Amino acid sequence: VMGTARYTAPDSPGLRWRNGLNGVRARALRD
């Protein structure tokens, strides 16, 4: 179903936390 309207991305509190950390990690690496 990837690429179709039926596809829904995985979602969990851990995944949302890790995705939220991406900006912090990118800024930390840059600095």
PDB file of all heavy atoms in Angstrom:
ATOM      1  N   VAL A   1       0.806  -1.213   0.000  1.00  0.00           N
ATOM      2  CA  VAL A   1       0.000   0.000   0.000  1.00  0.00           C
ATOM      3  C   VAL A   1       0.845   1.273   0.000  1.00  0.00           C
ATOM      4  O   VAL A   1       0.303   2.368  -0.032  1.00  0.00           O
ATOM      5  CB  VAL A   1      -0.991   0.034   1.186  1.00  0.00           C
ATOM      6  CG1 VAL A   1      -2.002  -1.089   1.072  1.00  0.00           C
ATOM      7  CG2 VAL A   1      -0.256  -0.022   2.498  1.00  0.00           C
ATOM      8  N   MET A   2       2.177   1.133   0.050  1.00  0.00           N
ATOM      9  CA  MET A   2       3.049   2.309   0.054  1.00  0.00           C
ATOM     10  C   MET A   2       2.775   3.151  -1.196  1.00  0.00           C
ATOM     11  O   MET A   2       2.700   2.623  -2.303  1.00  0.00           O
ATOM     12  CB  MET A   2       4.511   1.877   0.074  1.00  0.00           C
ATOM     13  CG  MET A   2       5.465   3.020   0.167  1.00  0.00           C
ATOM     14  SD  MET A   2       5.421   3.766   1.784  1.00  0.00           S
ATOM     15  CE  MET A   2       6.919   3.168   2.460  1.00  0.00           C
ATOM     16  N   GLY A   3       2.579   4.425  -1.008  1.00  0.00           N
ATOM     17  CA  GLY A   3       2.332   5.324  -2.129  1.00  0.00           C
ATOM     18  C   GLY A   3       0.879   5.411  -2.533  1.00  0.00           C
ATOM     19  O   GLY A   3       0.538   6.100  -3.488  1.00  0.00           O
ATOM     20  N   THR A   4       0.002   4.711  -1.841  1.00  0.00           N
ATOM     21  CA  THR A   4      -1.421   4.787  -2.147  1.00  0.00           C
ATOM     22  C   THR A   4      -2.131   5.555  -1.038  1.00  0.00           C
ATOM     23  O   THR A   4      -1.554   5.824   0.012  1.00  0.00           O
ATOM     24  CB  THR A   4      -2.055   3.378  -2.268  1.00  0.00           C
ATOM     25  OG1 THR A   4      -2.059   2.778  -0.977  1.00  0.00           O
ATOM     26  CG2 THR A   4      -1.293   2.505  -3.252  1.00  0.00           C
ATOM     27  N   ALA A   5      -3.378   5.851  -1.278  1.00  0.00           N
ATOM     28  CA  ALA A   5      -4.160   6.589  -0.278  1.00  0.00           C
ATOM     29  C   ALA A   5      -4.387   5.761   0.986  1.00  0.00           C
ATOM     30  O   ALA A   5      -4.633   6.309   2.055  1.00  0.00           O
ATOM     31  CB  ALA A   5      -5.496   7.004  -0.870  1.00  0.00           C
ATOM     32  N   ARG A   6      -4.286   4.431   0.879  1.00  0.00           N
ATOM     33  CA  ARG A   6      -4.496   3.567   2.045  1.00  0.00           C
ATOM     34  C   ARG A   6      -3.297   3.544   2.989  1.00  0.00           C
ATOM     35  O   ARG A   6      -3.398   3.063   4.101  1.00  0.00           O
ATOM     36  CB  ARG A   6      -4.782   2.132   1.593  1.00  0.00           C
ATOM     37  CG  ARG A   6      -6.097   1.993   0.848  1.00  0.00           C
ATOM     38  CD  ARG A   6      -6.369   0.563   0.494  1.00  0.00           C
ATOM     39  NE  ARG A   6      -5.261   0.012  -0.283  1.00  0.00           N
ATOM     40  CZ  ARG A   6      -5.041  -1.271  -0.486  1.00  0.00           C
ATOM     41  NH1 ARG A   6      -5.848  -2.164   0.028  1.00  0.00           N
ATOM     42  NH2 ARG A   6      -4.025  -1.684  -1.198  1.00  0.00           N
ATOM     43  N   TYR A   7      -2.165   4.047   2.546  1.00  0.00           N
ATOM     44  CA  TYR A   7      -0.956   3.989   3.369  1.00  0.00           C
ATOM     45  C   TYR A   7      -1.029   5.015   4.496  1.00  0.00           C
ATOM     46  O   TYR A   7      -1.342   6.177   4.275  1.00  0.00           O
ATOM     47  CB  TYR A   7       0.288   4.250   2.532  1.00  0.00           C
ATOM     48  CG  TYR A   7       1.559   4.249   3.344  1.00  0.00           C
ATOM     49  CD1 TYR A   7       2.099   3.065   3.813  1.00  0.00           C
ATOM     50  CD2 TYR A   7       2.208   5.432   3.674  1.00  0.00           C
ATOM     51  CE1 TYR A   7       3.253   3.048   4.574  1.00  0.00           C
ATOM     52  CE2 TYR A   7       3.366   5.432   4.430  1.00  0.00           C
ATOM     53  CZ  TYR A   7       3.882   4.238   4.877  1.00  0.00           C
ATOM     54  OH  TYR A   7       5.019   4.224   5.633  1.00  0.00           O
ATOM     55  N   THR A   8      -0.745   4.569   5.705  1.00  0.00           N
ATOM     56  CA  THR A   8      -0.624   5.482   6.846  1.00  0.00           C
ATOM     57  C   THR A   8       0.741   5.240   7.479  1.00  0.00           C
ATOM     58  O   THR A   8       1.131   4.094   7.708  1.00  0.00           O
ATOM     59  CB  THR A   8      -1.729   5.252   7.886  1.00  0.00           C
ATOM     60  OG1 THR A   8      -1.693   3.893   8.307  1.00  0.00           O
ATOM     61  CG2 THR A   8      -3.098   5.581   7.321  1.00  0.00           C
ATOM     62  N   ALA A   9       1.441   6.297   7.731  1.00  0.00           N
ATOM     63  CA  ALA A   9       2.782   6.198   8.307  1.00  0.00           C
ATOM     64  C   ALA A   9       2.700   5.671   9.736  1.00  0.00           C
ATOM     65  O   ALA A   9       1.730   5.949  10.448  1.00  0.00           O
ATOM     66  CB  ALA A   9       3.468   7.560   8.299  1.00  0.00           C
ATOM     67  N   PRO A  10       3.708   4.916  10.148  1.00  0.00           N
ATOM     68  CA  PRO A  10       3.733   4.466  11.537  1.00  0.00           C
ATOM     69  C   PRO A  10       3.736   5.668  12.482  1.00  0.00           C
ATOM     70  O   PRO A  10       4.366   6.683  12.186  1.00  0.00           O
ATOM     71  CB  PRO A  10       5.041   3.703  11.643  1.00  0.00           C
ATOM     72  CG  PRO A  10       5.503   3.457  10.258  1.00  0.00           C
ATOM     73  CD  PRO A  10       4.860   4.477   9.391  1.00  0.00           C
ATOM     74  N   ASP A  11       3.025   5.528  13.582  1.00  0.00           N
ATOM     75  CA  ASP A  11       2.942   6.628  14.535  1.00  0.00           C
ATOM     76  C   ASP A  11       2.939   6.056  15.948  1.00  0.00           C
ATOM     77  O   ASP A  11       2.162   5.167  16.259  1.00  0.00           O
ATOM     78  CB  ASP A  11       1.664   7.435  14.293  1.00  0.00           C
ATOM     79  CG  ASP A  11       1.613   8.690  15.117  1.00  0.00           C
ATOM     80  OD1 ASP A  11       2.691   9.236  15.443  1.00  0.00           O
ATOM     81  OD2 ASP A  11       0.509   9.136  15.452  1.00  0.00           O
ATOM     82  N   SER A  12       3.839   6.566  16.756  1.00  0.00           N
ATOM     83  CA  SER A  12       3.892   6.146  18.156  1.00  0.00           C
ATOM     84  C   SER A  12       4.516   7.285  18.949  1.00  0.00           C
ATOM     85  O   SER A  12       5.166   8.161  18.373  1.00  0.00           O
ATOM     86  CB  SER A  12       4.730   4.879  18.311  1.00  0.00           C
ATOM     87  OG  SER A  12       6.089   5.161  18.057  1.00  0.00           O
ATOM     88  N   PRO A  13       4.357   7.288  20.258  1.00  0.00           N
ATOM     89  CA  PRO A  13       4.992   8.334  21.059  1.00  0.00           C
ATOM     90  C   PRO A  13       6.513   8.350  20.882  1.00  0.00           C
ATOM     91  O   PRO A  13       7.120   9.415  20.792  1.00  0.00           O
ATOM     92  CB  PRO A  13       4.604   7.975  22.496  1.00  0.00           C
ATOM     93  CG  PRO A  13       3.345   7.196  22.366  1.00  0.00           C
ATOM     94  CD  PRO A  13       3.471   6.445  21.079  1.00  0.00           C
ATOM     95  N   GLY A  14       7.117   7.157  20.806  1.00  0.00           N
ATOM     96  CA  GLY A  14       8.567   7.092  20.623  1.00  0.00           C
ATOM     97  C   GLY A  14       9.005   7.673  19.297  1.00  0.00           C
ATOM     98  O   GLY A  14      10.012   8.383  19.212  1.00  0.00           O
ATOM     99  N   LEU A  15       8.246   7.386  18.251  1.00  0.00           N
ATOM    100  CA  LEU A  15       8.567   7.912  16.922  1.00  0.00           C
ATOM    101  C   LEU A  15       8.403   9.431  16.890  1.00  0.00           C
ATOM    102  O   LEU A  15       9.252  10.143  16.340  1.00  0.00           O
ATOM    103  CB  LEU A  15       7.668   7.254  15.883  1.00  0.00           C
ATOM    104  CG  LEU A  15       7.983   7.533  14.432  1.00  0.00           C
ATOM    105  CD1 LEU A  15       9.371   7.017  14.091  1.00  0.00           C
ATOM    106  CD2 LEU A  15       6.952   6.861  13.552  1.00  0.00           C
ATOM    107  N   ARG A  16       7.338   9.931  17.497  1.00  0.00           N
ATOM    108  CA  ARG A  16       7.146  11.393  17.538  1.00  0.00           C
ATOM    109  C   ARG A  16       8.256  12.059  18.342  1.00  0.00           C
ATOM    110  O   ARG A  16       8.751  13.120  17.961  1.00  0.00           O
ATOM    111  CB  ARG A  16       5.772  11.724  18.122  1.00  0.00           C
ATOM    112  CG  ARG A  16       4.638  11.442  17.158  1.00  0.00           C
ATOM    113  CD  ARG A  16       3.326  12.049  17.640  1.00  0.00           C
ATOM    114  NE  ARG A  16       2.897  11.532  18.932  1.00  0.00           N
ATOM    115  CZ  ARG A  16       2.167  10.442  19.121  1.00  0.00           C
ATOM    116  NH1 ARG A  16       1.779   9.737  18.086  1.00  0.00           N
ATOM    117  NH2 ARG A  16       1.820  10.060  20.322  1.00  0.00           N
ATOM    118  N   TRP A  17       8.673  11.442  19.448  1.00  0.00           N
ATOM    119  CA  TRP A  17       9.765  11.998  20.269  1.00  0.00           C
ATOM    120  C   TRP A  17      11.057  12.036  19.459  1.00  0.00           C
ATOM    121  O   TRP A  17      11.759  13.036  19.450  1.00  0.00           O
ATOM    122  CB  TRP A  17       9.939  11.154  21.526  1.00  0.00           C
ATOM    123  CG  TRP A  17      11.115  11.549  22.350  1.00  0.00           C
ATOM    124  CD1 TRP A  17      11.195  12.600  23.224  1.00  0.00           C
ATOM    125  CD2 TRP A  17      12.399  10.928  22.365  1.00  0.00           C
ATOM    126  NE1 TRP A  17      12.451  12.651  23.788  1.00  0.00           N
ATOM    127  CE2 TRP A  17      13.207  11.641  23.276  1.00  0.00           C
ATOM    128  CE3 TRP A  17      12.940   9.838  21.699  1.00  0.00           C
ATOM    129  CZ2 TRP A  17      14.529  11.285  23.523  1.00  0.00           C
ATOM    130  CZ3 TRP A  17      14.252   9.484  21.949  1.00  0.00           C
ATOM    131  CH2 TRP A  17      15.028  10.217  22.853  1.00  0.00           C
ATOM    132  N   ARG A  18      11.352  10.921  18.776  1.00  0.00           N
ATOM    133  CA  ARG A  18      12.589  10.863  18.003  1.00  0.00           C
ATOM    134  C   ARG A  18      12.571  11.875  16.849  1.00  0.00           C
ATOM    135  O   ARG A  18      13.557  12.536  16.576  1.00  0.00           O
ATOM    136  CB  ARG A  18      12.795   9.438  17.469  1.00  0.00           C
ATOM    137  CG  ARG A  18      14.174   9.224  16.924  1.00  0.00           C
ATOM    138  CD  ARG A  18      14.464   7.768  16.615  1.00  0.00           C
ATOM    139  NE  ARG A  18      13.595   7.216  15.597  1.00  0.00           N
ATOM    140  CZ  ARG A  18      12.691   6.257  15.810  1.00  0.00           C
ATOM    141  NH1 ARG A  18      12.533   5.738  17.007  1.00  0.00           N
ATOM    142  NH2 ARG A  18      11.941   5.806  14.830  1.00  0.00           N
ATOM    143  N   ASN A  19      11.439  12.011  16.185  1.00  0.00           N
ATOM    144  CA  ASN A  19      11.344  12.992  15.114  1.00  0.00           C
ATOM    145  C   ASN A  19      11.461  14.420  15.643  1.00  0.00           C
ATOM    146  O   ASN A  19      12.024  15.288  14.983  1.00  0.00           O
ATOM    147  CB  ASN A  19      10.026  12.827  14.352  1.00  0.00           C
ATOM    148  CG  ASN A  19      10.025  11.596  13.480  1.00  0.00           C
ATOM    149  OD1 ASN A  19      11.078  11.052  13.154  1.00  0.00           O
ATOM    150  ND2 ASN A  19       8.847  11.139  13.115  1.00  0.00           N
ATOM    151  N   GLY A  20      10.935  14.665  16.840  1.00  0.00           N
ATOM    152  CA  GLY A  20      11.068  15.985  17.451  1.00  0.00           C
ATOM    153  C   GLY A  20      12.503  16.307  17.816  1.00  0.00           C
ATOM    154  O   GLY A  20      12.897  17.472  17.880  1.00  0.00           O
ATOM    155  N   LEU A  21      13.283  15.276  18.047  1.00  0.00           N
ATOM    156  CA  LEU A  21      14.688  15.457  18.401  1.00  0.00           C
ATOM    157  C   LEU A  21      15.562  15.814  17.193  1.00  0.00           C
ATOM    158  O   LEU A  21      16.675  16.308  17.356  1.00  0.00           O
ATOM    159  CB  LEU A  21      15.201  14.156  19.021  1.00  0.00           C
ATOM    160  CG  LEU A  21      16.238  14.212  20.107  1.00  0.00           C
ATOM    161  CD1 LEU A  21      15.754  15.084  21.256  1.00  0.00           C
ATOM    162  CD2 LEU A  21      16.528  12.814  20.609  1.00  0.00           C
ATOM    163  N   ASN A  22      15.042  15.586  15.996  1.00  0.00           N
ATOM    164  CA  ASN A  22      15.853  15.818  14.796  1.00  0.00           C
ATOM    165  C   ASN A  22      16.366  17.250  14.688  1.00  0.00           C
ATOM    166  O   ASN A  22      17.523  17.474  14.336  1.00  0.00           O
ATOM    167  CB  ASN A  22      15.075  15.435  13.541  1.00  0.00           C
ATOM    168  CG  ASN A  22      14.928  13.943  13.388  1.00  0.00           C
ATOM    169  OD1 ASN A  22      15.659  13.168  13.991  1.00  0.00           O
ATOM    170  ND2 ASN A  22      13.964  13.532  12.594  1.00  0.00           N
ATOM    171  N   GLY A  23      15.532  18.223  14.982  1.00  0.00           N
ATOM    172  CA  GLY A  23      15.956  19.615  14.915  1.00  0.00           C
ATOM    173  C   GLY A  23      17.039  19.937  15.928  1.00  0.00           C
ATOM    174  O   GLY A  23      18.017  20.626  15.623  1.00  0.00           O
ATOM    175  N   VAL A  24      16.863  19.427  17.138  1.00  0.00           N
ATOM    176  CA  VAL A  24      17.865  19.643  18.192  1.00  0.00           C
ATOM    177  C   VAL A  24      19.189  19.007  17.784  1.00  0.00           C
ATOM    178  O   VAL A  24      20.263  19.598  17.930  1.00  0.00           O
ATOM    179  CB  VAL A  24      17.371  19.055  19.536  1.00  0.00           C
ATOM    180  CG1 VAL A  24      18.446  19.137  20.592  1.00  0.00           C
ATOM    181  CG2 VAL A  24      16.111  19.765  19.989  1.00  0.00           C
ATOM    182  N   ARG A  25      19.105  17.794  17.255  1.00  0.00           N
ATOM    183  CA  ARG A  25      20.329  17.105  16.834  1.00  0.00           C
ATOM    184  C   ARG A  25      21.023  17.835  15.698  1.00  0.00           C
ATOM    185  O   ARG A  25      22.248  17.957  15.690  1.00  0.00           O
ATOM    186  CB  ARG A  25      19.998  15.676  16.402  1.00  0.00           C
ATOM    187  CG  ARG A  25      19.701  14.781  17.565  1.00  0.00           C
ATOM    188  CD  ARG A  25      19.459  13.371  17.122  1.00  0.00           C
ATOM    189  NE  ARG A  25      19.589  12.481  18.262  1.00  0.00           N
ATOM    190  CZ  ARG A  25      19.515  11.182  18.176  1.00  0.00           C
ATOM    191  NH1 ARG A  25      19.329  10.607  17.022  1.00  0.00           N
ATOM    192  NH2 ARG A  25      19.650  10.447  19.256  1.00  0.00           N
ATOM    193  N   ALA A  26      20.265  18.312  14.736  1.00  0.00           N
ATOM    194  CA  ALA A  26      20.860  19.027  13.602  1.00  0.00           C
ATOM    195  C   ALA A  26      21.558  20.304  14.069  1.00  0.00           C
ATOM    196  O   ALA A  26      22.680  20.600  13.636  1.00  0.00           O
ATOM    197  CB  ALA A  26      19.787  19.355  12.566  1.00  0.00           C
ATOM    198  N   ARG A  27      20.903  21.063  14.953  1.00  0.00           N
ATOM    199  CA  ARG A  27      21.526  22.287  15.465  1.00  0.00           C
ATOM    200  C   ARG A  27      22.777  21.973  16.277  1.00  0.00           C
ATOM    201  O   ARG A  27      23.793  22.663  16.174  1.00  0.00           O
ATOM    202  CB  ARG A  27      20.526  23.079  16.319  1.00  0.00           C
ATOM    203  CG  ARG A  27      19.527  23.859  15.487  1.00  0.00           C
ATOM    204  CD  ARG A  27      18.658  24.770  16.350  1.00  0.00           C
ATOM    205  NE  ARG A  27      17.819  24.043  17.299  1.00  0.00           N
ATOM    206  CZ  ARG A  27      16.661  23.467  17.001  1.00  0.00           C
ATOM    207  NH1 ARG A  27      16.194  23.521  15.777  1.00  0.00           N
ATOM    208  NH2 ARG A  27      15.956  22.836  17.930  1.00  0.00           N
ATOM    209  N   ALA A  28      22.713  20.910  17.083  1.00  0.00           N
ATOM    210  CA  ALA A  28      23.871  20.538  17.899  1.00  0.00           C
ATOM    211  C   ALA A  28      25.048  20.140  17.006  1.00  0.00           C
ATOM    212  O   ALA A  28      26.187  20.547  17.261  1.00  0.00           O
ATOM    213  CB  ALA A  28      23.510  19.392  18.846  1.00  0.00           C
ATOM    214  N   LEU A  29      24.784  19.364  15.971  1.00  0.00           N
ATOM    215  CA  LEU A  29      25.865  18.976  15.052  1.00  0.00           C
ATOM    216  C   LEU A  29      26.464  20.190  14.356  1.00  0.00           C
ATOM    217  O   LEU A  29      27.683  20.318  14.235  1.00  0.00           O
ATOM    218  CB  LEU A  29      25.345  17.988  14.005  1.00  0.00           C
ATOM    219  CG  LEU A  29      25.285  16.539  14.415  1.00  0.00           C
ATOM    220  CD1 LEU A  29      24.676  15.703  13.303  1.00  0.00           C
ATOM    221  CD2 LEU A  29      26.659  16.011  14.764  1.00  0.00           C
ATOM    222  N   ARG A  30      25.599  21.068  13.888  1.00  0.00           N
ATOM    223  CA  ARG A  30      26.078  22.272  13.196  1.00  0.00           C
ATOM    224  C   ARG A  30      26.939  23.114  14.134  1.00  0.00           C
ATOM    225  O   ARG A  30      28.046  23.537  13.770  1.00  0.00           O
ATOM    226  CB  ARG A  30      24.884  23.083  12.680  1.00  0.00           C
ATOM    227  CG  ARG A  30      25.306  24.308  11.870  1.00  0.00           C
ATOM    228  CD  ARG A  30      24.117  25.162  11.471  1.00  0.00           C
ATOM    229  NE  ARG A  30      23.421  25.639  12.662  1.00  0.00           N
ATOM    230  CZ  ARG A  30      22.109  25.502  12.865  1.00  0.00           C
ATOM    231  NH1 ARG A  30      21.358  24.893  11.976  1.00  0.00           N
ATOM    232  NH2 ARG A  30      21.557  25.969  13.958  1.00  0.00           N
ATOM    233  N   ASP A  31      26.460  23.342  15.353  1.00  0.00           N
ATOM    234  CA  ASP A  31      27.220  24.145  16.315  1.00  0.00           C
ATOM    235  C   ASP A  31      28.525  23.462  16.707  1.00  0.00           C
ATOM    236  O   ASP A  31      29.563  24.113  16.828  1.00  0.00           O
ATOM    237  CB  ASP A  31      26.380  24.413  17.565  1.00  0.00           C
ATOM    238  CG  ASP A  31      25.195  25.325  17.287  1.00  0.00           C
ATOM    239  OD1 ASP A  31      25.173  25.972  16.218  1.00  0.00           O
ATOM    240  OD2 ASP A  31      24.288  25.376  18.136  1.00  0.00           O
TER     241      ASP A  31
END
